[in-house]
Amino acid sequence: MMPLDIQIKTFLISIIFGIVFSMLTDTFYKKKIFNLVLSLITVILFTITYFLFLIKINNGIVHPYYILSFIIGFILYIFVKRIVLFKKK
């Protein structure tokens, strides 16, 4: 069983990685350079970086809720961006 503090750190890191990944894909898409090769390289590098962080934090243990928190971070960025853009108009 993994200690609670390590689980919380990993959960928060997963959310942050989801937000950063969403920002990167959003930036590449806006610049029209987000093609198949670049997206594949980005996903591979980001996945390797994410798992290196997991190895550093909790010895590489991956629970389904870490992936879910990554997705929550990705979606959270999209919603926050829409709210900010909506308030600017």
N, C-alpha and C. Protein backbone atom coordinates (compact mmCIF):
# COMPACT_ATOMS: atom_id res chain seq x y z
N MET A 1 0.84 -1.18 0.00
CA MET A 1 0.00 0.00 0.00
C MET A 1 0.88 1.24 0.00
N MET A 2 0.53 2.16 -0.84
CA MET A 2 1.29 3.39 -0.99
C MET A 2 0.81 4.41 0.06
N PRO A 3 1.74 5.14 0.69
CA PRO A 3 1.33 6.15 1.67
C PRO A 3 0.46 7.23 1.04
N LEU A 4 -0.40 7.82 1.84
CA LEU A 4 -1.36 8.81 1.35
C LEU A 4 -0.68 10.04 0.78
N ASP A 5 0.40 10.51 1.40
CA ASP A 5 1.07 11.72 0.90
C ASP A 5 1.64 11.50 -0.50
N ILE A 6 2.15 10.32 -0.76
CA ILE A 6 2.67 10.02 -2.10
C ILE A 6 1.53 9.93 -3.11
N GLN A 7 0.40 9.38 -2.70
CA GLN A 7 -0.76 9.31 -3.59
C GLN A 7 -1.26 10.71 -3.95
N ILE A 8 -1.30 11.59 -2.97
CA ILE A 8 -1.76 12.97 -3.22
C ILE A 8 -0.79 13.69 -4.14
N LYS A 9 0.52 13.54 -3.90
CA LYS A 9 1.52 14.17 -4.78
C LYS A 9 1.37 13.67 -6.22
N THR A 10 1.21 12.36 -6.36
CA THR A 10 1.08 11.79 -7.69
C THR A 10 -0.20 12.27 -8.36
N PHE A 11 -1.28 12.35 -7.61
CA PHE A 11 -2.55 12.84 -8.15
C PHE A 11 -2.40 14.28 -8.65
N LEU A 12 -1.77 15.14 -7.85
CA LEU A 12 -1.59 16.53 -8.24
C LEU A 12 -0.65 16.67 -9.44
N ILE A 13 0.41 15.89 -9.46
CA ILE A 13 1.33 15.91 -10.60
C ILE A 13 0.60 15.47 -11.86
N SER A 14 -0.28 14.49 -11.74
CA SER A 14 -1.03 14.03 -12.91
C SER A 14 -1.94 15.12 -13.44
N ILE A 15 -2.60 15.85 -12.56
CA ILE A 15 -3.45 16.95 -12.99
C ILE A 15 -2.62 18.03 -13.67
N ILE A 16 -1.48 18.36 -13.09
CA ILE A 16 -0.60 19.38 -13.67
C ILE A 16 -0.11 18.94 -15.05
N PHE A 17 0.28 17.68 -15.17
CA PHE A 17 0.73 17.17 -16.47
C PHE A 17 -0.40 17.23 -17.50
N GLY A 18 -1.62 16.95 -17.08
CA GLY A 18 -2.76 17.05 -17.98
C GLY A 18 -2.97 18.48 -18.47
N ILE A 19 -2.83 19.43 -17.57
CA ILE A 19 -2.99 20.84 -17.94
C ILE A 19 -1.89 21.26 -18.90
N VAL A 20 -0.64 20.92 -18.59
CA VAL A 20 0.48 21.29 -19.46
C VAL A 20 0.35 20.63 -20.83
N PHE A 21 -0.06 19.36 -20.85
CA PHE A 21 -0.23 18.67 -22.12
C PHE A 21 -1.32 19.34 -22.95
N SER A 22 -2.39 19.74 -22.31
CA SER A 22 -3.47 20.44 -23.03
C SER A 22 -2.99 21.78 -23.57
N MET A 23 -2.17 22.48 -22.79
CA MET A 23 -1.63 23.75 -23.26
C MET A 23 -0.72 23.55 -24.47
N LEU A 24 0.10 22.51 -24.43
CA LEU A 24 1.00 22.24 -25.56
C LEU A 24 0.22 21.90 -26.82
N THR A 25 -0.77 21.04 -26.70
CA THR A 25 -1.53 20.68 -27.89
C THR A 25 -2.31 21.87 -28.41
N ASP A 26 -2.80 22.72 -27.51
CA ASP A 26 -3.51 23.92 -27.93
C ASP A 26 -2.58 24.88 -28.67
N THR A 27 -1.37 25.04 -28.17
CA THR A 27 -0.39 25.92 -28.81
C THR A 27 0.00 25.40 -30.19
N PHE A 28 0.28 24.11 -30.29
CA PHE A 28 0.66 23.54 -31.58
C PHE A 28 -0.48 23.64 -32.58
N TYR A 29 -1.70 23.44 -32.13
CA TYR A 29 -2.84 23.48 -33.03
C TYR A 29 -3.07 24.88 -33.58
N LYS A 30 -2.89 25.89 -32.72
CA LYS A 30 -3.09 27.28 -33.16
C LYS A 30 -2.04 27.70 -34.18
N LYS A 31 -0.85 27.16 -34.08
CA LYS A 31 0.22 27.54 -34.99
C LYS A 31 0.21 26.71 -36.27
N LYS A 32 -0.78 25.85 -36.41
CA LYS A 32 -0.97 25.02 -37.61
C LYS A 32 0.21 24.11 -37.90
N ILE A 33 1.00 23.80 -36.87
CA ILE A 33 2.11 22.87 -37.08
C ILE A 33 1.84 21.54 -36.40
N PHE A 34 0.63 21.36 -35.94
CA PHE A 34 0.26 20.14 -35.22
C PHE A 34 -0.14 19.08 -36.24
N ASN A 35 0.84 18.48 -36.84
CA ASN A 35 0.57 17.41 -37.80
C ASN A 35 0.81 16.07 -37.13
N LEU A 36 0.66 15.01 -37.88
CA LEU A 36 0.74 13.67 -37.32
C LEU A 36 2.09 13.37 -36.69
N VAL A 37 3.17 13.72 -37.36
CA VAL A 37 4.51 13.41 -36.85
C VAL A 37 4.80 14.18 -35.58
N LEU A 38 4.49 15.49 -35.58
CA LEU A 38 4.76 16.31 -34.41
C LEU A 38 3.90 15.88 -33.23
N SER A 39 2.65 15.53 -33.49
CA SER A 39 1.79 15.09 -32.40
C SER A 39 2.28 13.77 -31.82
N LEU A 40 2.74 12.87 -32.67
CA LEU A 40 3.25 11.59 -32.19
C LEU A 40 4.51 11.79 -31.34
N ILE A 41 5.41 12.63 -31.79
CA ILE A 41 6.63 12.91 -31.03
C ILE A 41 6.28 13.56 -29.70
N THR A 42 5.35 14.51 -29.71
CA THR A 42 4.95 15.18 -28.48
C THR A 42 4.35 14.20 -27.48
N VAL A 43 3.47 13.35 -27.94
CA VAL A 43 2.83 12.38 -27.05
C VAL A 43 3.86 11.41 -26.47
N ILE A 44 4.78 10.94 -27.30
CA ILE A 44 5.80 10.00 -26.82
C ILE A 44 6.71 10.67 -25.78
N LEU A 45 7.19 11.86 -26.07
CA LEU A 45 8.06 12.56 -25.12
C LEU A 45 7.34 12.90 -23.83
N PHE A 46 6.10 13.33 -23.95
CA PHE A 46 5.34 13.69 -22.76
C PHE A 46 5.03 12.46 -21.92
N THR A 47 4.75 11.34 -22.56
CA THR A 47 4.48 10.10 -21.83
C THR A 47 5.74 9.62 -21.10
N ILE A 48 6.87 9.69 -21.76
CA ILE A 48 8.12 9.30 -21.12
C ILE A 48 8.41 10.20 -19.92
N THR A 49 8.22 11.50 -20.08
CA THR A 49 8.44 12.44 -18.99
C THR A 49 7.50 12.16 -17.82
N TYR A 50 6.24 11.89 -18.13
CA TYR A 50 5.25 11.60 -17.09
C TYR A 50 5.64 10.35 -16.31
N PHE A 51 6.02 9.30 -16.99
CA PHE A 51 6.40 8.08 -16.29
C PHE A 51 7.72 8.23 -15.54
N LEU A 52 8.63 9.07 -16.01
CA LEU A 52 9.84 9.35 -15.24
C LEU A 52 9.49 10.05 -13.93
N PHE A 53 8.52 10.98 -13.98
CA PHE A 53 8.06 11.60 -12.74
C PHE A 53 7.41 10.57 -11.82
N LEU A 54 6.62 9.66 -12.40
CA LEU A 54 6.01 8.62 -11.57
C LEU A 54 7.07 7.72 -10.93
N ILE A 55 8.10 7.41 -11.66
CA ILE A 55 9.19 6.60 -11.10
C ILE A 55 9.87 7.35 -9.96
N LYS A 56 10.08 8.64 -10.14
CA LYS A 56 10.73 9.46 -9.12
C LYS A 56 9.86 9.58 -7.87
N ILE A 57 8.54 9.76 -8.05
CA ILE A 57 7.65 10.00 -6.92
C ILE A 57 7.25 8.71 -6.21
N ASN A 58 6.79 7.70 -6.97
CA ASN A 58 6.21 6.52 -6.32
C ASN A 58 6.69 5.20 -6.91
N ASN A 59 7.91 5.16 -7.37
CA ASN A 59 8.52 3.94 -7.92
C ASN A 59 7.80 3.41 -9.15
N GLY A 60 7.16 4.27 -9.90
CA GLY A 60 6.55 3.88 -11.17
C GLY A 60 5.23 3.16 -11.07
N ILE A 61 4.57 3.25 -9.95
CA ILE A 61 3.26 2.60 -9.80
C ILE A 61 2.21 3.46 -10.49
N VAL A 62 1.45 2.82 -11.37
CA VAL A 62 0.41 3.54 -12.10
C VAL A 62 -0.94 2.97 -11.69
N HIS A 63 -1.75 3.84 -11.13
CA HIS A 63 -3.12 3.47 -10.78
C HIS A 63 -4.06 4.10 -11.80
N PRO A 64 -5.22 3.53 -12.02
CA PRO A 64 -6.17 4.11 -12.98
C PRO A 64 -6.56 5.54 -12.65
N TYR A 65 -6.62 5.88 -11.36
CA TYR A 65 -7.02 7.25 -11.03
C TYR A 65 -5.92 8.27 -11.36
N TYR A 66 -4.69 7.84 -11.55
CA TYR A 66 -3.67 8.77 -12.02
C TYR A 66 -3.93 9.16 -13.47
N ILE A 67 -4.31 8.18 -14.27
CA ILE A 67 -4.65 8.46 -15.66
C ILE A 67 -5.91 9.32 -15.70
N LEU A 68 -6.87 9.02 -14.83
CA LEU A 68 -8.09 9.81 -14.76
C LEU A 68 -7.78 11.25 -14.34
N SER A 69 -6.87 11.44 -13.40
CA SER A 69 -6.52 12.79 -12.99
C SER A 69 -5.77 13.54 -14.09
N PHE A 70 -5.00 12.83 -14.90
CA PHE A 70 -4.35 13.44 -16.06
C PHE A 70 -5.41 13.97 -17.02
N ILE A 71 -6.44 13.16 -17.27
CA ILE A 71 -7.53 13.55 -18.16
C ILE A 71 -8.32 14.71 -17.55
N ILE A 72 -8.52 14.70 -16.25
CA ILE A 72 -9.21 15.81 -15.57
C ILE A 72 -8.41 17.09 -15.75
N GLY A 73 -7.11 17.04 -15.62
CA GLY A 73 -6.27 18.22 -15.83
C GLY A 73 -6.38 18.73 -17.25
N PHE A 74 -6.40 17.82 -18.21
CA PHE A 74 -6.55 18.19 -19.62
C PHE A 74 -7.86 18.92 -19.85
N ILE A 75 -8.95 18.37 -19.33
CA ILE A 75 -10.28 18.96 -19.50
C ILE A 75 -10.41 20.25 -18.70
N LEU A 76 -9.80 20.30 -17.51
CA LEU A 76 -9.84 21.50 -16.68
C LEU A 76 -9.25 22.70 -17.41
N TYR A 77 -8.14 22.50 -18.09
CA TYR A 77 -7.52 23.58 -18.86
C TYR A 77 -8.47 24.08 -19.95
N ILE A 78 -9.13 23.18 -20.62
CA ILE A 78 -10.05 23.57 -21.69
C ILE A 78 -11.20 24.41 -21.13
N PHE A 79 -11.78 23.99 -20.01
CA PHE A 79 -12.88 24.75 -19.42
C PHE A 79 -12.43 26.11 -18.92
N VAL A 80 -11.28 26.18 -18.26
CA VAL A 80 -10.78 27.46 -17.76
C VAL A 80 -10.48 28.40 -18.92
N LYS A 81 -9.90 27.87 -20.00
CA LYS A 81 -9.61 28.70 -21.16
C LYS A 81 -10.89 29.26 -21.76
N ARG A 82 -11.93 28.45 -21.86
CA ARG A 82 -13.21 28.92 -22.41
C ARG A 82 -13.82 30.00 -21.52
N ILE A 83 -13.72 29.82 -20.22
CA ILE A 83 -14.28 30.83 -19.30
C ILE A 83 -13.52 32.14 -19.43
N VAL A 84 -12.21 32.09 -19.51
CA VAL A 84 -11.39 33.30 -19.64
C VAL A 84 -11.67 33.98 -20.98
N LEU A 85 -11.75 33.22 -22.05
CA LEU A 85 -12.03 33.81 -23.36
C LEU A 85 -13.43 34.38 -23.42
N PHE A 86 -14.40 33.75 -22.76
CA PHE A 86 -15.76 34.23 -22.75
C PHE A 86 -15.86 35.56 -22.01
N LYS A 87 -15.09 35.73 -20.91
CA LYS A 87 -15.11 36.97 -20.14
C LYS A 87 -14.43 38.10 -20.90
N LYS A 88 -13.49 37.80 -21.78
CA LYS A 88 -12.80 38.84 -22.54
C LYS A 88 -13.71 39.48 -23.58
N LYS A 89 -14.70 38.73 -24.07
CA LYS A 89 -15.58 39.26 -25.13
C LYS A 89 -16.65 40.12 -24.61
